[in-house]
Structures are given as structure tokens and as C-alpha cells.
Protein backbone atom coordinates (compact mmCIF):
# COMPACT_ATOMS: atom_id res chain seq x y z
CA TRP A 1 13.08 31.34 -11.90
CA TRP A 2 14.19 29.36 -8.94
CA LEU A 3 16.06 32.27 -6.40
CA ILE A 4 12.21 33.34 -6.86
CA TYR A 5 11.06 30.40 -6.06
CA ALA A 6 12.68 29.68 -3.34
CA SER A 7 12.65 33.22 -1.70
CA TYR A 8 9.36 32.94 -2.43
CA VAL A 9 8.96 30.00 -0.19
CA LEU A 10 11.25 31.07 2.55
CA ALA A 11 9.76 34.46 2.53
CA ALA A 12 5.87 32.94 3.89
CA VAL A 13 7.23 30.71 6.03
CA PRO A 14 6.84 33.36 9.17
CA LEU A 15 3.54 33.79 7.96
CA LEU A 16 2.20 30.52 7.85
CA ALA A 17 3.95 29.86 11.07
CA LEU A 18 2.35 32.62 13.18
CA SER A 19 -0.86 31.56 10.92
CA SER A 20 -0.81 27.96 12.77
CA SER A 21 1.18 29.04 16.14
CA LEU A 22 1.03 32.67 16.76
CA THR A 23 -1.10 31.30 20.02
CA GLU A 24 1.37 28.73 21.24
CA MET A 25 4.63 31.90 20.22
CA ALA A 26 2.71 34.13 22.45
CA ARG A 27 2.41 31.73 25.32
CA SER A 28 5.87 30.81 25.89
CA ALA A 29 6.89 34.58 25.28
CA GLY A 30 4.69 34.56 28.84
CA VAL A 31 1.93 37.04 26.40
CA GLY A 32 -2.31 36.25 27.29
CA GLY A 33 -5.65 37.82 27.97
CA LEU A 34 -6.12 41.24 25.99
CA GLU A 35 -2.96 41.60 24.58
CA LEU A 36 -3.34 37.83 23.12
CA ALA A 37 -5.97 38.65 21.78
CA ALA A 38 -5.22 42.14 20.60
CA ALA A 39 -2.13 39.93 18.53
CA LEU A 40 -5.00 37.57 16.73
CA SER A 41 -7.19 39.73 16.06
CA ALA A 42 -4.52 42.89 14.57
CA PHE A 43 -2.28 39.75 12.30
CA PRO A 44 -5.23 39.38 9.83
CA LEU A 45 -6.29 42.98 9.90
CA ALA A 46 -2.69 43.68 9.29
CA SER A 47 -2.18 41.29 6.46
CA GLY A 48 -5.06 42.68 4.52
CA VAL A 49 -4.41 46.51 4.92
CA GLY A 50 -0.33 45.21 3.84
CA ARG A 51 -1.80 44.28 0.94
CA PRO A 52 -2.93 47.39 -1.15
CA LEU A 53 -0.64 49.46 0.96
CA LEU A 54 2.46 47.96 0.17
CA GLY A 55 1.28 47.74 -3.50
CA LEU A 56 1.28 51.40 -3.88
CA VAL A 57 4.13 51.17 -1.94
CA SER A 58 5.80 48.58 -5.18
CA ASP A 59 4.79 50.72 -7.69
CA ARG A 60 6.65 53.73 -6.04
CA VAL A 61 10.26 51.80 -4.98
CA GLY A 62 10.46 49.06 -6.79
CA THR A 63 9.11 46.12 -6.42
CA LEU A 64 12.50 43.43 -5.68
CA ARG A 65 14.02 46.35 -3.36
CA LEU A 66 10.03 46.25 -1.26
CA LEU A 67 10.58 42.42 -1.28
CA ILE A 68 14.17 42.52 0.07
CA VAL A 69 12.37 45.22 2.52
CA SER A 70 9.56 42.96 3.49
CA ALA A 71 11.98 39.75 4.11
CA ALA A 72 13.65 42.04 6.60
CA ALA A 73 10.62 43.19 8.12
CA LEU A 74 9.31 39.53 8.50
CA ALA A 75 12.73 38.68 10.10
CA LEU A 76 12.44 41.40 12.47
CA GLY A 77 8.87 40.71 13.23
CA SER A 78 9.84 37.34 13.62
CA ALA A 79 13.33 38.03 16.25
CA ILE A 80 11.08 40.43 18.76
CA ILE A 81 8.29 38.07 19.56
CA PRO A 82 10.57 36.21 21.93
CA ALA A 83 11.09 39.58 24.23
CA GLY A 84 6.93 39.42 24.91
CA LEU A 85 6.27 42.32 21.94
CA VAL A 86 3.50 39.75 20.31
CA LEU A 87 1.44 42.27 18.85
CA GLU A 88 4.64 44.40 16.87
CA GLY A 89 5.86 40.69 15.97
CA SER A 90 2.35 39.80 14.52
CA LEU A 91 1.90 43.53 12.96
CA LEU A 92 5.02 43.21 11.09
CA VAL A 93 4.47 39.48 10.12
CA GLY A 94 1.18 40.18 8.99
CA LEU A 95 1.83 43.72 7.26
CA PHE A 96 4.68 42.62 4.92
CA GLY A 97 3.78 38.78 4.76
CA GLY A 98 0.50 39.54 4.07
CA ALA A 99 0.78 41.05 0.87
CA LEU A 100 4.12 38.90 -0.17
CA VAL A 101 1.54 36.72 -3.04
CA PRO A 102 0.61 40.12 -4.97
CA LEU A 103 4.72 41.49 -4.78
CA TYR A 104 5.65 38.46 -6.18
CA PHE A 105 3.12 37.39 -8.55
CA SER A 106 4.15 41.68 -9.39
CA ALA A 107 7.84 40.68 -9.49
CA VAL A 108 7.17 37.69 -11.59
CA SER A 109 5.50 40.08 -14.42
CA GLU A 110 8.41 42.56 -14.38
CA ILE A 111 11.00 39.74 -14.70
CA TYR A 112 9.59 37.34 -17.11
CA GLY A 113 7.24 39.16 -18.81
CA GLY A 114 3.19 38.73 -19.51
CA ALA A 115 3.83 35.74 -21.61
CA TYR A 116 3.19 32.59 -19.86
CA SER A 117 2.18 35.09 -16.62
CA THR A 118 -1.18 32.40 -15.58
CA THR A 119 1.33 29.54 -15.49
CA ASN A 120 3.89 31.13 -14.08
CA THR A 121 2.63 32.65 -11.38
CA ALA A 122 0.33 29.45 -10.78
CA ILE A 123 3.46 27.99 -10.21
CA LEU A 124 5.16 30.18 -8.09
CA TYR A 125 1.70 29.86 -5.58
CA THR A 126 2.27 26.29 -5.03
CA GLY A 127 5.13 27.21 -2.79
CA LYS A 128 2.77 28.16 -0.38
CA ALA A 129 1.87 24.93 -0.16
CA VAL A 130 5.67 24.00 0.83
CA ALA A 131 5.80 26.86 2.79
CA GLY A 132 3.40 25.61 4.73
CA VAL A 133 5.11 22.20 5.65
CA LEU A 134 8.01 24.33 6.96
CA GLY A 135 6.30 27.08 8.39
CA GLY A 136 3.38 24.75 9.70
CA SER A 137 4.71 20.73 10.28
CA LEU A 138 8.23 21.42 10.26
CA PHE A 139 7.99 24.71 13.01
CA ALA A 140 5.77 22.87 15.27
CA VAL A 141 9.23 20.99 15.44
CA VAL A 142 11.03 23.56 15.82
CA LEU A 143 8.47 25.29 18.52
CA GLU A 144 9.10 21.90 21.12
CA GLY A 145 12.77 23.18 21.39
CA GLY A 146 11.94 26.77 22.63
CA LEU A 147 10.51 29.97 21.07
CA ALA A 148 14.30 31.44 20.69
CA ARG A 149 15.05 28.41 18.63
CA ALA A 150 11.88 28.29 16.52
CA SER A 151 12.04 33.05 16.29
CA ALA A 152 15.93 31.97 14.66
CA TYR A 153 14.39 29.29 12.60
CA LEU A 154 11.79 32.22 10.91
CA VAL A 155 14.57 34.61 11.33
CA ALA A 156 16.88 32.93 8.97
CA SER A 157 13.96 31.41 6.81
CA ALA A 158 13.07 35.05 5.96
CA LEU A 159 16.91 36.80 5.72
CA ALA A 160 17.44 33.99 2.80
CA SER A 161 14.42 34.78 1.11
CA ALA A 162 16.31 38.23 1.24
CA ALA A 163 19.58 37.39 0.29
CA LEU A 164 17.45 35.03 -2.57
CA LEU A 165 16.33 37.90 -4.30
CA ALA A 166 19.60 39.95 -4.37
CA ALA A 167 21.19 37.48 -6.17
CA ALA A 168 18.37 37.04 -8.13
CA SER A 169 18.72 40.70 -8.26
CA ARG A 170 22.11 40.50 -9.72
CA ARG A 171 21.82 37.19 -11.68
CA ARG A 172 19.42 39.03 -13.83
CA GLY A 173 21.79 42.37 -14.31
CA ARG A 174 18.62 44.51 -12.85
CA SER A 175 18.55 46.79 -10.22
CA THR A 176 15.88 46.11 -7.68
CA ARG A 177 13.95 48.75 -8.78
């Protein structure tokens, strides 16, 4: 259970960091004006589109497998922002980050069954508050040290999430399907 919880917290960090600091990140990457406006508009749009789209994909490839891919996509989106690819990074983080809640809720149901599903998902959702501290306040401190360092922090968080998901999958004796 705690591997899933920790992976959710870590996966949500890039989404919440961009939600709170996308403008500052873009400016640090030398991006402003219309490109920044496009990224700021595309980010929540991608987040909303990602939920049903990735839900459909999850039904075909398996929730845990898609969550691992999502964590890798969050890492990639976070990694390309310092290169000035703010719109592209925002789209990746928005698309895959926006789908985290329904995908994790589905994973919890698949792993633990329907009994106590409301309690299980409610406890899991408290992880968003933890991620809010890591992706909000702590990220702001890291960002003061430069965009490259901040990006590395987000990449590490997302990759750690993928590693925890893989460990949880193996530990349960289940495939990633």
C-alpha cells in the first residue's frame, strides 16, 4: 500500500509544480509572450483531455503499466522545459499528470478490490496534499537555485515514482497489466 501511496505523491509533484510555477519556469527558460500564454492555456486543457484519453488507454494496456509510462512522460516533460520547450513540456505534464487521480484510483481498486474502496481512495488522495508541499513550497525553494536544478528535482520525483510502481507490481506478484 505504501509503495503505491509514495509513488502517487512523487508522480503528482511535477503536475503541482507546474501548476504553481509554470510562469517562473518559462521565464527562467527565456520563454514569454505568446508562447508562455499558449503553455498556460494548453496545460489545463491537456490535463482535462488526459483523463478520459488515458482512461481509455488504461483499459487496453493495464493501469499499472500506464502509470509507469505516465511517470516516465512526466519526467520527460519536466526535463525538456529548461531547453525552452515549455509548451511541449506543459503538454506532457498536463496530459499525463492530469490523469493521475483516476488512474491511481483504478489501480487501488484493481489491487485491493472493492471492499473499503472509498476509504482506500480517500487515504490515497491525501497524498496530493503531501505532493502540494513538495511541488509547491519546496519546489519554489529548489527553483531559486536555478531551472536546471528544479527540473532535475521534478525528473527525479517522477522517475522515483516509476521505480516504486515497478516495485509494487513485483511485490504483489502481479504483472504490470
